[in-house]
Amino acid sequence: MFRAGNGGGGRKPARNVLGEPLEPCSLDPVTGYFRNGCCDTAAEDVGSHTVCIIATADFLAFSKARGNDLSTPVPEFDFPGLKPGDRWCLCAPRWQEAFEAGKMPRVVLRATHEGALDYCALEDLKRYAVDLS
């Protein structure tokens, strides 16, 4: 069963940046700090893997150039490498860095944890959201 926000016993359900229950980001590839498919977080997640993105070639090249190669597989960590179109729980500071450089990927707000707001403005995330009607 797939459940968002189950990173520890007794915790309240995780919320997204819209104040709603956090929705899944991706199970293929499996993402999230807890590798449960959700951009849930906890105090030990110092990178704040909270922004659900849709990877683009431009963003992957930017991230690699900044020292975070997300496109090359790392089998020893069961990481398949991302390709354009993949959804992934990105570190909120990395999204903000990409935003400031004009290289930000699109965002799935309903799958982006409210903790991302510690690093990113909601209005900026909304401008690049794929799930607003």
N, C-alpha and C. Protein backbone atom coordinates (compact mmCIF):
# COMPACT_ATOMS: atom_id res chain seq x y z
N MET A 1 0.84 -1.19 0.00
CA MET A 1 0.00 0.00 0.00
C MET A 1 0.88 1.24 0.00
N PHE A 2 0.44 2.24 -0.67
CA PHE A 2 1.20 3.48 -0.82
C PHE A 2 0.57 4.54 0.07
N ARG A 3 1.34 5.03 1.03
CA ARG A 3 0.81 6.05 1.94
C ARG A 3 1.79 7.20 2.04
N ALA A 4 1.28 8.39 1.87
CA ALA A 4 2.12 9.58 2.04
C ALA A 4 2.24 9.91 3.52
N GLY A 5 3.37 10.47 3.87
CA GLY A 5 3.53 10.99 5.22
C GLY A 5 3.67 9.93 6.29
N ASN A 6 4.16 8.75 5.95
CA ASN A 6 4.30 7.70 6.96
C ASN A 6 5.75 7.49 7.35
N GLY A 7 6.51 8.57 7.42
CA GLY A 7 7.92 8.47 7.73
C GLY A 7 8.21 8.06 9.15
N GLY A 8 7.23 8.08 10.03
CA GLY A 8 7.46 7.67 11.41
C GLY A 8 6.14 7.51 12.13
N GLY A 9 6.13 6.69 13.15
CA GLY A 9 4.91 6.44 13.90
C GLY A 9 4.43 7.67 14.64
N GLY A 10 3.13 7.86 14.66
CA GLY A 10 2.54 8.94 15.43
C GLY A 10 2.62 10.31 14.80
N ARG A 11 3.21 10.43 13.63
CA ARG A 11 3.29 11.73 12.98
C ARG A 11 1.97 12.06 12.33
N LYS A 12 1.68 13.36 12.29
CA LYS A 12 0.46 13.77 11.59
C LYS A 12 0.69 13.63 10.09
N PRO A 13 -0.37 13.45 9.32
CA PRO A 13 -0.21 13.28 7.87
C PRO A 13 0.48 14.49 7.25
N ALA A 14 1.34 14.21 6.28
CA ALA A 14 2.07 15.27 5.60
C ALA A 14 1.11 16.10 4.75
N ARG A 15 1.43 17.39 4.61
CA ARG A 15 0.62 18.32 3.83
C ARG A 15 1.45 18.85 2.67
N ASN A 16 0.75 19.20 1.61
CA ASN A 16 1.45 19.80 0.48
C ASN A 16 1.44 21.32 0.60
N VAL A 17 2.03 22.01 -0.36
CA VAL A 17 2.14 23.46 -0.31
C VAL A 17 0.79 24.16 -0.43
N LEU A 18 -0.25 23.43 -0.80
CA LEU A 18 -1.60 23.98 -0.88
C LEU A 18 -2.39 23.74 0.40
N GLY A 19 -1.75 23.08 1.38
CA GLY A 19 -2.40 22.79 2.65
C GLY A 19 -3.26 21.54 2.63
N GLU A 20 -3.15 20.76 1.58
CA GLU A 20 -3.92 19.53 1.42
C GLU A 20 -3.03 18.32 1.74
N PRO A 21 -3.63 17.12 1.88
CA PRO A 21 -2.80 15.92 2.08
C PRO A 21 -1.80 15.76 0.93
N LEU A 22 -0.58 15.40 1.28
CA LEU A 22 0.48 15.22 0.29
C LEU A 22 0.16 14.04 -0.62
N GLU A 23 0.25 14.26 -1.92
CA GLU A 23 0.02 13.20 -2.89
C GLU A 23 1.34 12.59 -3.32
N PRO A 24 1.31 11.36 -3.87
CA PRO A 24 2.53 10.71 -4.35
C PRO A 24 3.18 11.50 -5.48
N CYS A 25 4.50 11.41 -5.56
CA CYS A 25 5.26 12.04 -6.63
C CYS A 25 5.60 11.00 -7.70
N SER A 26 6.29 9.92 -7.32
CA SER A 26 6.67 8.90 -8.30
C SER A 26 7.06 7.58 -7.65
N LEU A 27 6.57 6.52 -8.25
CA LEU A 27 7.00 5.17 -7.88
C LEU A 27 7.88 4.56 -8.97
N ASP A 28 8.03 5.25 -10.10
CA ASP A 28 8.87 4.78 -11.20
C ASP A 28 9.52 5.97 -11.89
N PRO A 29 10.71 6.39 -11.46
CA PRO A 29 11.52 5.76 -10.40
C PRO A 29 10.97 6.10 -9.00
N VAL A 30 11.29 5.22 -8.06
CA VAL A 30 10.86 5.45 -6.68
C VAL A 30 11.66 6.62 -6.12
N THR A 31 10.96 7.60 -5.60
CA THR A 31 11.60 8.82 -5.14
C THR A 31 11.27 9.09 -3.68
N GLY A 32 11.79 10.18 -3.19
CA GLY A 32 11.52 10.64 -1.83
C GLY A 32 12.65 10.29 -0.87
N TYR A 33 12.79 11.11 0.14
CA TYR A 33 13.81 10.88 1.15
C TYR A 33 13.66 9.49 1.76
N PHE A 34 12.41 9.07 1.97
CA PHE A 34 12.14 7.75 2.55
C PHE A 34 12.00 6.67 1.49
N ARG A 35 12.19 7.02 0.21
CA ARG A 35 12.01 6.11 -0.93
C ARG A 35 10.65 5.41 -0.83
N ASN A 36 9.63 6.23 -0.58
CA ASN A 36 8.26 5.72 -0.52
C ASN A 36 7.39 6.33 -1.61
N GLY A 37 8.02 7.07 -2.53
CA GLY A 37 7.28 7.68 -3.62
C GLY A 37 6.74 9.07 -3.33
N CYS A 38 6.91 9.52 -2.08
CA CYS A 38 6.40 10.83 -1.67
C CYS A 38 7.53 11.77 -1.29
N CYS A 39 7.27 13.06 -1.44
CA CYS A 39 8.25 14.08 -1.07
C CYS A 39 8.09 14.47 0.39
N ASP A 40 7.87 13.46 1.22
CA ASP A 40 7.75 13.66 2.66
C ASP A 40 9.14 13.96 3.22
N THR A 41 9.19 14.51 4.40
CA THR A 41 10.47 14.91 4.98
C THR A 41 10.46 14.70 6.48
N ALA A 42 11.61 14.85 7.08
CA ALA A 42 11.78 14.73 8.53
C ALA A 42 13.03 15.51 8.89
N ALA A 43 13.27 15.69 10.17
CA ALA A 43 14.41 16.48 10.63
C ALA A 43 15.74 15.98 10.06
N GLU A 44 15.87 14.68 9.87
CA GLU A 44 17.13 14.12 9.36
C GLU A 44 17.32 14.36 7.86
N ASP A 45 16.30 14.82 7.17
CA ASP A 45 16.39 15.14 5.74
C ASP A 45 16.97 16.54 5.58
N VAL A 46 18.29 16.66 5.77
CA VAL A 46 18.93 17.97 5.75
C VAL A 46 18.87 18.63 4.36
N GLY A 47 18.66 17.86 3.31
CA GLY A 47 18.55 18.42 1.97
C GLY A 47 17.16 18.91 1.62
N SER A 48 16.17 18.60 2.44
CA SER A 48 14.78 18.98 2.20
C SER A 48 14.31 18.53 0.82
N HIS A 49 14.23 17.20 0.63
CA HIS A 49 13.79 16.60 -0.63
C HIS A 49 12.28 16.72 -0.75
N THR A 50 11.80 17.94 -0.98
CA THR A 50 10.38 18.23 -0.82
C THR A 50 9.66 18.73 -2.07
N VAL A 51 10.37 19.04 -3.14
CA VAL A 51 9.73 19.58 -4.34
C VAL A 51 9.59 18.47 -5.38
N CYS A 52 8.35 18.15 -5.74
CA CYS A 52 8.10 17.15 -6.78
C CYS A 52 8.23 17.84 -8.13
N ILE A 53 9.25 17.43 -8.87
CA ILE A 53 9.52 18.05 -10.18
C ILE A 53 9.28 17.06 -11.31
N ILE A 54 9.18 17.61 -12.50
CA ILE A 54 9.21 16.81 -13.73
C ILE A 54 10.52 17.20 -14.42
N ALA A 55 11.43 16.26 -14.46
CA ALA A 55 12.78 16.54 -14.98
C ALA A 55 12.75 16.95 -16.45
N THR A 56 13.64 17.87 -16.79
CA THR A 56 13.86 18.27 -18.17
C THR A 56 15.35 18.09 -18.49
N ALA A 57 15.67 17.99 -19.76
CA ALA A 57 17.08 17.86 -20.15
C ALA A 57 17.86 19.09 -19.69
N ASP A 58 17.27 20.26 -19.83
CA ASP A 58 17.92 21.50 -19.44
C ASP A 58 18.23 21.51 -17.94
N PHE A 59 17.25 21.10 -17.13
CA PHE A 59 17.48 21.07 -15.69
C PHE A 59 18.52 20.02 -15.32
N LEU A 60 18.44 18.83 -15.91
CA LEU A 60 19.41 17.78 -15.58
C LEU A 60 20.83 18.22 -15.91
N ALA A 61 21.01 18.91 -17.02
CA ALA A 61 22.34 19.43 -17.38
C ALA A 61 22.78 20.49 -16.37
N PHE A 62 21.87 21.36 -15.97
CA PHE A 62 22.17 22.39 -14.97
C PHE A 62 22.59 21.75 -13.66
N SER A 63 21.82 20.78 -13.19
CA SER A 63 22.12 20.13 -11.92
C SER A 63 23.47 19.42 -11.97
N LYS A 64 23.75 18.75 -13.08
CA LYS A 64 25.04 18.06 -13.23
C LYS A 64 26.18 19.07 -13.19
N ALA A 65 26.01 20.19 -13.86
CA ALA A 65 27.05 21.23 -13.87
C ALA A 65 27.28 21.83 -12.49
N ARG A 66 26.26 21.77 -11.64
CA ARG A 66 26.36 22.28 -10.28
C ARG A 66 26.81 21.22 -9.28
N GLY A 67 27.21 20.04 -9.78
CA GLY A 67 27.75 19.00 -8.92
C GLY A 67 26.76 17.98 -8.41
N ASN A 68 25.54 17.99 -8.92
CA ASN A 68 24.53 17.01 -8.51
C ASN A 68 24.03 16.30 -9.76
N ASP A 69 24.75 15.24 -10.14
CA ASP A 69 24.42 14.49 -11.36
C ASP A 69 23.24 13.57 -11.09
N LEU A 70 22.08 13.96 -11.57
CA LEU A 70 20.87 13.16 -11.38
C LEU A 70 20.56 12.28 -12.57
N SER A 71 21.34 12.37 -13.64
CA SER A 71 21.04 11.61 -14.85
C SER A 71 21.84 10.32 -14.99
N THR A 72 22.93 10.20 -14.27
CA THR A 72 23.77 9.00 -14.37
C THR A 72 23.33 7.96 -13.35
N PRO A 73 23.05 6.73 -13.79
CA PRO A 73 22.66 5.68 -12.85
C PRO A 73 23.75 5.41 -11.82
N VAL A 74 23.33 5.10 -10.60
CA VAL A 74 24.23 4.70 -9.52
C VAL A 74 23.67 3.40 -8.94
N PRO A 75 24.03 2.26 -9.55
CA PRO A 75 23.44 0.98 -9.16
C PRO A 75 23.62 0.63 -7.69
N GLU A 76 24.77 1.00 -7.11
CA GLU A 76 25.00 0.64 -5.71
C GLU A 76 24.02 1.32 -4.76
N PHE A 77 23.36 2.38 -5.21
CA PHE A 77 22.33 3.05 -4.42
C PHE A 77 20.95 2.81 -5.03
N ASP A 78 20.86 1.85 -5.95
CA ASP A 78 19.60 1.51 -6.61
C ASP A 78 18.96 2.75 -7.25
N PHE A 79 19.83 3.60 -7.83
CA PHE A 79 19.37 4.82 -8.49
C PHE A 79 19.51 4.64 -10.00
N PRO A 80 18.38 4.67 -10.72
CA PRO A 80 18.43 4.40 -12.16
C PRO A 80 18.92 5.56 -13.01
N GLY A 81 19.06 6.75 -12.41
CA GLY A 81 19.35 7.95 -13.19
C GLY A 81 18.05 8.49 -13.77
N LEU A 82 17.92 9.79 -13.77
CA LEU A 82 16.70 10.41 -14.27
C LEU A 82 16.82 10.76 -15.74
N LYS A 83 15.69 10.75 -16.40
CA LYS A 83 15.61 11.18 -17.79
C LYS A 83 14.49 12.21 -17.89
N PRO A 84 14.50 13.02 -18.92
CA PRO A 84 13.42 14.00 -19.07
C PRO A 84 12.05 13.33 -18.99
N GLY A 85 11.17 13.96 -18.24
CA GLY A 85 9.82 13.43 -18.04
C GLY A 85 9.65 12.69 -16.72
N ASP A 86 10.76 12.25 -16.11
CA ASP A 86 10.67 11.58 -14.81
C ASP A 86 10.25 12.57 -13.73
N ARG A 87 9.45 12.09 -12.79
CA ARG A 87 9.13 12.87 -11.60
C ARG A 87 10.14 12.49 -10.51
N TRP A 88 10.49 13.49 -9.68
CA TRP A 88 11.51 13.26 -8.66
C TRP A 88 11.33 14.25 -7.52
N CYS A 89 11.60 13.82 -6.30
CA CYS A 89 11.59 14.71 -5.14
C CYS A 89 12.94 15.41 -5.06
N LEU A 90 12.95 16.63 -5.48
CA LEU A 90 14.16 17.43 -5.54
C LEU A 90 14.34 18.22 -4.25
N CYS A 91 15.59 18.44 -3.89
CA CYS A 91 15.88 19.31 -2.74
C CYS A 91 15.37 20.71 -3.03
N ALA A 92 14.63 21.26 -2.09
CA ALA A 92 14.05 22.60 -2.29
C ALA A 92 15.12 23.66 -2.56
N PRO A 93 16.26 23.65 -1.86
CA PRO A 93 17.29 24.65 -2.19
C PRO A 93 17.81 24.51 -3.62
N ARG A 94 17.86 23.29 -4.17
CA ARG A 94 18.32 23.08 -5.55
C ARG A 94 17.28 23.66 -6.52
N TRP A 95 15.97 23.46 -6.23
CA TRP A 95 14.95 24.05 -7.11
C TRP A 95 15.08 25.58 -7.09
N GLN A 96 15.29 26.13 -5.92
CA GLN A 96 15.41 27.58 -5.80
C GLN A 96 16.63 28.08 -6.58
N GLU A 97 17.73 27.34 -6.48
CA GLU A 97 18.94 27.69 -7.23
C GLU A 97 18.68 27.65 -8.73
N ALA A 98 17.99 26.60 -9.18
CA ALA A 98 17.66 26.48 -10.60
C ALA A 98 16.70 27.59 -11.03
N PHE A 99 15.75 27.93 -10.17
CA PHE A 99 14.82 29.02 -10.45
C PHE A 99 15.58 30.33 -10.66
N GLU A 100 16.49 30.61 -9.77
CA GLU A 100 17.26 31.86 -9.87
C GLU A 100 18.13 31.90 -11.12
N ALA A 101 18.51 30.72 -11.64
CA ALA A 101 19.32 30.63 -12.85
C ALA A 101 18.46 30.49 -14.11
N GLY A 102 17.14 30.44 -13.95
CA GLY A 102 16.25 30.26 -15.09
C GLY A 102 16.24 28.86 -15.67
N LYS A 103 16.60 27.85 -14.86
CA LYS A 103 16.69 26.47 -15.32
C LYS A 103 15.75 25.54 -14.56
N MET A 104 14.76 26.11 -13.87
CA MET A 104 13.89 25.31 -13.01
C MET A 104 13.00 24.37 -13.81
N PRO A 105 12.79 23.18 -13.27
CA PRO A 105 11.84 22.25 -13.89
C PRO A 105 10.42 22.57 -13.42
N ARG A 106 9.44 22.01 -14.09
CA ARG A 106 8.04 22.16 -13.70
C ARG A 106 7.82 21.44 -12.38
N VAL A 107 6.77 21.83 -11.67
CA VAL A 107 6.49 21.36 -10.31
C VAL A 107 5.10 20.74 -10.23
N VAL A 108 4.97 19.68 -9.43
CA VAL A 108 3.67 19.09 -9.12
C VAL A 108 3.32 19.54 -7.70
N LEU A 109 2.50 20.57 -7.59
CA LEU A 109 2.21 21.17 -6.28
C LEU A 109 1.56 20.20 -5.30
N ARG A 110 0.64 19.40 -5.78
CA ARG A 110 -0.08 18.49 -4.87
C ARG A 110 0.84 17.42 -4.28
N ALA A 111 2.01 17.23 -4.90
CA ALA A 111 2.99 16.26 -4.42
C ALA A 111 4.23 16.94 -3.83
N THR A 112 4.17 18.28 -3.69
CA THR A 112 5.28 19.04 -3.11
C THR A 112 4.98 19.33 -1.65
N HIS A 113 5.85 18.89 -0.78
CA HIS A 113 5.67 19.02 0.67
C HIS A 113 5.72 20.48 1.10
N GLU A 114 4.90 20.83 2.08
CA GLU A 114 4.86 22.21 2.58
C GLU A 114 6.22 22.68 3.10
N GLY A 115 7.11 21.77 3.45
CA GLY A 115 8.45 22.14 3.91
C GLY A 115 9.25 22.87 2.84
N ALA A 116 8.88 22.72 1.58
CA ALA A 116 9.56 23.42 0.49
C ALA A 116 9.42 24.93 0.65
N LEU A 117 8.37 25.36 1.33
CA LEU A 117 8.13 26.80 1.50
C LEU A 117 9.16 27.46 2.40
N ASP A 118 9.99 26.67 3.07
CA ASP A 118 11.10 27.23 3.85
C ASP A 118 12.19 27.77 2.92
N TYR A 119 12.17 27.34 1.66
CA TYR A 119 13.22 27.70 0.70
C TYR A 119 12.69 28.38 -0.56
N CYS A 120 11.44 28.11 -0.89
CA CYS A 120 10.86 28.56 -2.15
C CYS A 120 9.56 29.31 -1.88
N ALA A 121 9.31 30.35 -2.66
CA ALA A 121 8.05 31.10 -2.53
C ALA A 121 6.93 30.33 -3.24
N LEU A 122 5.78 30.29 -2.60
CA LEU A 122 4.64 29.59 -3.18
C LEU A 122 4.29 30.17 -4.56
N GLU A 123 4.35 31.46 -4.71
CA GLU A 123 4.02 32.08 -5.99
C GLU A 123 4.98 31.62 -7.09
N ASP A 124 6.25 31.45 -6.76
CA ASP A 124 7.21 30.95 -7.75
C ASP A 124 6.88 29.51 -8.12
N LEU A 125 6.59 28.68 -7.13
CA LEU A 125 6.24 27.29 -7.40
C LEU A 125 4.98 27.22 -8.26
N LYS A 126 4.00 28.04 -7.95
CA LYS A 126 2.74 28.05 -8.70
C LYS A 126 2.96 28.43 -10.16
N ARG A 127 3.88 29.35 -10.42
CA ARG A 127 4.15 29.78 -11.80
C ARG A 127 4.65 28.64 -12.67
N TYR A 128 5.25 27.64 -12.05
CA TYR A 128 5.81 26.51 -12.80
C TYR A 128 5.09 25.20 -12.51
N ALA A 129 3.89 25.31 -11.97
CA ALA A 129 3.10 24.11 -11.62
C ALA A 129 2.44 23.51 -12.86
N VAL A 130 2.35 22.20 -12.85
CA VAL A 130 1.65 21.48 -13.92
C VAL A 130 0.25 21.08 -13.49
N ASP A 131 -0.06 21.25 -12.21
CA ASP A 131 -1.34 20.73 -11.72
C ASP A 131 -2.27 21.82 -11.18
N LEU A 132 -2.19 23.01 -11.72
CA LEU A 132 -3.15 24.05 -11.38
C LEU A 132 -4.09 24.22 -12.57
N SER A 133 -5.38 24.33 -12.28
CA SER A 133 -6.33 24.51 -13.40
C SER A 133 -6.82 25.93 -13.45
